[in-house]
C-alpha atoms as a PDB file:
ATOM      1  CA  UNK A   1     -28.442 154.442 116.023  1.00  0.00           C
ATOM      2  CA  UNK A   2     -27.677 154.273 112.647  1.00  0.00           C
ATOM      3  CA  UNK A   3     -24.903 156.901 110.931  1.00  0.00           C
ATOM      4  CA  UNK A   4     -27.129 158.563 108.302  1.00  0.00           C
ATOM      5  CA  UNK A   5     -24.100 160.793 106.700  1.00  0.00           C
ATOM      6  CA  UNK A   6     -20.701 162.472 106.817  1.00  0.00           C
ATOM      7  CA  UNK A   7     -20.071 166.316 105.824  1.00  0.00           C
ATOM      8  CA  UNK A   8     -17.208 167.820 103.604  1.00  0.00           C
ATOM      9  CA  UNK A   9     -17.743 171.424 102.728  1.00  0.00           C
ATOM     10  CA  UNK A  10     -15.921 172.067  99.875  1.00  0.00           C
ATOM     11  CA  UNK A  11     -14.921 175.176  97.374  1.00  0.00           C
ATOM     12  CA  UNK A  12     -16.274 174.144  94.323  1.00  0.00           C
ATOM     13  CA  UNK A  13     -19.987 172.190  94.252  1.00  0.00           C
ATOM     14  CA  UNK A  14     -20.076 171.387  90.506  1.00  0.00           C
ATOM     15  CA  UNK A  15     -16.950 170.248  90.917  1.00  0.00           C
ATOM     16  CA  UNK A  16     -17.685 167.771  93.677  1.00  0.00           C
ATOM     17  CA  UNK A  17     -20.428 166.798  92.503  1.00  0.00           C
ATOM     18  CA  UNK A  18     -18.877 166.054  89.202  1.00  0.00           C
ATOM     19  CA  UNK A  19     -15.999 163.498  91.518  1.00  0.00           C
ATOM     20  CA  UNK A  20     -18.122 161.563  93.543  1.00  0.00           C
ATOM     21  CA  UNK A  21     -21.241 161.071  90.465  1.00  0.00           C
ATOM     22  CA  UNK A  22     -18.780 160.668  87.413  1.00  0.00           C
ATOM     23  CA  UNK A  23     -15.211 158.989  89.239  1.00  0.00           C
ATOM     24  CA  UNK A  24     -17.244 157.064  92.182  1.00  0.00           C
ATOM     25  CA  UNK A  25     -20.749 156.363  90.821  1.00  0.00           C
ATOM     26  CA  UNK A  26     -22.301 157.799  93.572  1.00  0.00           C
ATOM     27  CA  UNK A  27     -25.901 159.882  92.458  1.00  0.00           C
ATOM     28  CA  UNK A  28     -27.001 162.917  93.142  1.00  0.00           C
ATOM     29  CA  UNK A  29     -29.463 162.337  95.693  1.00  0.00           C
ATOM     30  CA  UNK A  30     -30.633 166.056  96.484  1.00  0.00           C
ATOM     31  CA  UNK A  31     -29.356 169.813  96.608  1.00  0.00           C
ATOM     32  CA  UNK A  32     -31.129 172.780  97.372  1.00  0.00           C
ATOM     33  CA  UNK A  33     -29.797 176.252  98.317  1.00  0.00           C
ATOM     34  CA  UNK A  34     -30.433 178.599 101.770  1.00  0.00           C
ATOM     35  CA  UNK A  35     -29.909 182.009  99.993  1.00  0.00           C
ATOM     36  CA  UNK A  36     -29.843 183.099 103.819  1.00  0.00           C
ATOM     37  CA  UNK A  37     -27.908 181.285 104.920  1.00  0.00           C
ATOM     38  CA  UNK A  38     -25.437 181.600 101.734  1.00  0.00           C
ATOM     39  CA  UNK A  39     -24.789 178.157 101.792  1.00  0.00           C
ATOM     40  CA  UNK A  40     -25.646 175.065  99.606  1.00  0.00           C
ATOM     41  CA  UNK A  41     -26.250 171.603 100.712  1.00  0.00           C
ATOM     42  CA  UNK A  42     -25.776 168.328  98.439  1.00  0.00           C
ATOM     43  CA  UNK A  43     -26.569 165.083  99.428  1.00  0.00           C
ATOM     44  CA  UNK A  44     -24.701 162.391  97.536  1.00  0.00           C
ATOM     45  CA  UNK A  45     -25.211 157.728  98.032  1.00  0.00           C
ATOM     46  CA  UNK A  46     -25.052 155.236  96.085  1.00  0.00           C
ATOM     47  CA  UNK A  47     -29.228 154.752  96.590  1.00  0.00           C
ATOM     48  CA  UNK A  48     -28.958 152.203  99.058  1.00  0.00           C
ATOM     49  CA  UNK A  49     -30.678 153.967 101.577  1.00  0.00           C
ATOM     50  CA  UNK A  50     -26.922 153.773 102.860  1.00  0.00           C
ATOM     51  CA  UNK A  51     -25.185 156.760 105.113  1.00  0.00           C
ATOM     52  CA  UNK A  52     -24.662 159.731 102.978  1.00  0.00           C
ATOM     53  CA  UNK A  53     -22.336 161.948 102.389  1.00  0.00           C
ATOM     54  CA  UNK A  54     -23.081 165.767 102.376  1.00  0.00           C
ATOM     55  CA  UNK A  55     -21.338 168.002 100.916  1.00  0.00           C
ATOM     56  CA  UNK A  56     -22.042 171.938 101.835  1.00  0.00           C
ATOM     57  CA  UNK A  57     -20.833 174.902  99.837  1.00  0.00           C
ATOM     58  CA  UNK A  58     -20.779 177.847 101.498  1.00  0.00           C
ATOM     59  CA  UNK A  59     -21.073 180.457  99.348  1.00  0.00           C
ATOM     60  CA  UNK A  60     -17.969 183.072  98.690  1.00  0.00           C
ATOM     61  CA  UNK A  61     -16.106 180.755  99.838  1.00  0.00           C
ATOM     62  CA  UNK A  62     -13.512 178.699  97.530  1.00  0.00           C
ATOM     63  CA  UNK A  63     -11.167 176.870  99.753  1.00  0.00           C
ATOM     64  CA  UNK A  64     -10.994 174.573 102.969  1.00  0.00           C
ATOM     65  CA  UNK A  65      -8.103 173.467 105.458  1.00  0.00           C
ATOM     66  CA  UNK A  66      -8.624 170.469 106.028  1.00  0.00           C
ATOM     67  CA  UNK A  67      -6.701 170.198 109.439  1.00  0.00           C
ATOM     68  CA  UNK A  68      -5.105 167.231 110.904  1.00  0.00           C
ATOM     69  CA  UNK A  69      -7.853 165.492 112.149  1.00  0.00           C
ATOM     70  CA  UNK A  70      -9.759 164.332 109.387  1.00  0.00           C
ATOM     71  CA  UNK A  71      -8.604 160.940 108.368  1.00  0.00           C
ATOM     72  CA  UNK A  72     -10.823 159.550 105.329  1.00  0.00           C
ATOM     73  CA  UNK A  73     -14.550 157.973 104.140  1.00  0.00           C
ATOM     74  CA  UNK A  74     -14.180 154.425 103.264  1.00  0.00           C
ATOM     75  CA  UNK A  75     -16.318 152.467 100.655  1.00  0.00           C
ATOM     76  CA  UNK A  76     -16.502 148.887 100.549  1.00  0.00           C
ATOM     77  CA  UNK A  77     -15.555 147.893  96.579  1.00  0.00           C
ATOM     78  CA  UNK A  78     -15.473 144.317  95.057  1.00  0.00           C
ATOM     79  CA  UNK A  79     -12.130 144.403  93.651  1.00  0.00           C
ATOM     80  CA  UNK A  80      -9.698 147.650  94.591  1.00  0.00           C
ATOM     81  CA  UNK A  81      -7.275 147.050  91.921  1.00  0.00           C
ATOM     82  CA  UNK A  82     -10.482 147.333  89.317  1.00  0.00           C
ATOM     83  CA  UNK A  83     -12.111 150.159  91.288  1.00  0.00           C
ATOM     84  CA  UNK A  84      -8.145 152.672  91.378  1.00  0.00           C
ATOM     85  CA  UNK A  85      -7.820 151.837  87.230  1.00  0.00           C
ATOM     86  CA  UNK A  86     -11.531 153.142  86.772  1.00  0.00           C
ATOM     87  CA  UNK A  87     -10.789 156.171  88.896  1.00  0.00           C
ATOM     88  CA  UNK A  88      -7.371 156.858  86.907  1.00  0.00           C
ATOM     89  CA  UNK A  89      -9.770 156.457  83.463  1.00  0.00           C
ATOM     90  CA  UNK A  90     -12.233 158.698  84.703  1.00  0.00           C
ATOM     91  CA  UNK A  91      -9.773 161.403  85.935  1.00  0.00           C
ATOM     92  CA  UNK A  92      -9.613 160.879  89.500  1.00  0.00           C
ATOM     93  CA  UNK A  93      -6.174 161.237  91.566  1.00  0.00           C
ATOM     94  CA  UNK A  94      -5.107 157.490  93.492  1.00  0.00           C
ATOM     95  CA  UNK A  95      -2.776 158.447  96.872  1.00  0.00           C
ATOM     96  CA  UNK A  96      -2.194 154.532  97.098  1.00  0.00           C
ATOM     97  CA  UNK A  97      -3.170 151.738  95.153  1.00  0.00           C
ATOM     98  CA  UNK A  98      -4.451 149.002  96.090  1.00  0.00           C
ATOM     99  CA  UNK A  99      -2.736 146.255  97.974  1.00  0.00           C
ATOM    100  CA  UNK A 100      -2.744 144.656 101.430  1.00  0.00           C
ATOM    101  CA  UNK A 101      -2.803 146.481 104.356  1.00  0.00           C
ATOM    102  CA  UNK A 102       0.988 147.281 105.470  1.00  0.00           C
ATOM    103  CA  UNK A 103      -0.241 145.255 109.281  1.00  0.00           C
ATOM    104  CA  UNK A 104      -2.814 142.871 107.704  1.00  0.00           C
ATOM    105  CA  UNK A 105      -3.815 141.353 104.437  1.00  0.00           C
ATOM    106  CA  UNK A 106      -6.898 143.458 103.516  1.00  0.00           C
ATOM    107  CA  UNK A 107      -6.439 144.734 100.797  1.00  0.00           C
ATOM    108  CA  UNK A 108      -6.481 148.839 100.913  1.00  0.00           C
ATOM    109  CA  UNK A 109      -6.622 151.758  98.353  1.00  0.00           C
ATOM    110  CA  UNK A 110      -6.935 155.596  98.788  1.00  0.00           C
ATOM    111  CA  UNK A 111      -8.161 158.018  96.536  1.00  0.00           C
ATOM    112  CA  UNK A 112      -8.191 161.700  96.422  1.00  0.00           C
ATOM    113  CA  UNK A 113     -11.178 164.590  95.949  1.00  0.00           C
ATOM    114  CA  UNK A 114     -10.873 167.791  94.261  1.00  0.00           C
ATOM    115  CA  UNK A 115     -10.827 169.323  98.024  1.00  0.00           C
ATOM    116  CA  UNK A 116      -8.107 166.995  99.008  1.00  0.00           C
ATOM    117  CA  UNK A 117     -10.090 164.999 100.829  1.00  0.00           C
ATOM    118  CA  UNK A 118      -9.220 161.096 101.572  1.00  0.00           C
ATOM    119  CA  UNK A 119     -11.249 158.576 100.324  1.00  0.00           C
ATOM    120  CA  UNK A 120     -10.306 154.579 101.123  1.00  0.00           C
ATOM    121  CA  UNK A 121     -10.984 151.526  99.070  1.00  0.00           C
ATOM    122  CA  UNK A 122     -11.638 148.391 100.945  1.00  0.00           C
ATOM    123  CA  UNK A 123     -11.791 145.502  99.316  1.00  0.00           C
ATOM    124  CA  UNK A 124     -14.515 142.986 100.138  1.00  0.00           C
ATOM    125  CA  UNK A 125     -13.680 139.483 101.199  1.00  0.00           C
ATOM    126  CA  UNK A 126     -14.671 136.898  99.282  1.00  0.00           C
END
């Protein structure tokens, strides 16, 4: 088995696609409308054959309650400090600046997408 994708429900699909492509450098791999079901699916990823992110937009729904069970999506980055600076320069929101995790030495950071979902950057160990 392998993980194929993680699905997030979003209120404004174009805004979310713009965040993941322009701010986090993902590629829009596919987008398909399902008129009978009144929803659109967009799949994003890095084009490396790894796990993808599925954004689901249910037509007519502009906002979701995130609840307390959701944690985050994690992305490995070369340099978490530089990644945070790129996010800020592109208009994204950093919610935890890059630095060592509280109870360890791994360098992490958190950013937030337009719907409030957290995305963790984990710096690749040298």
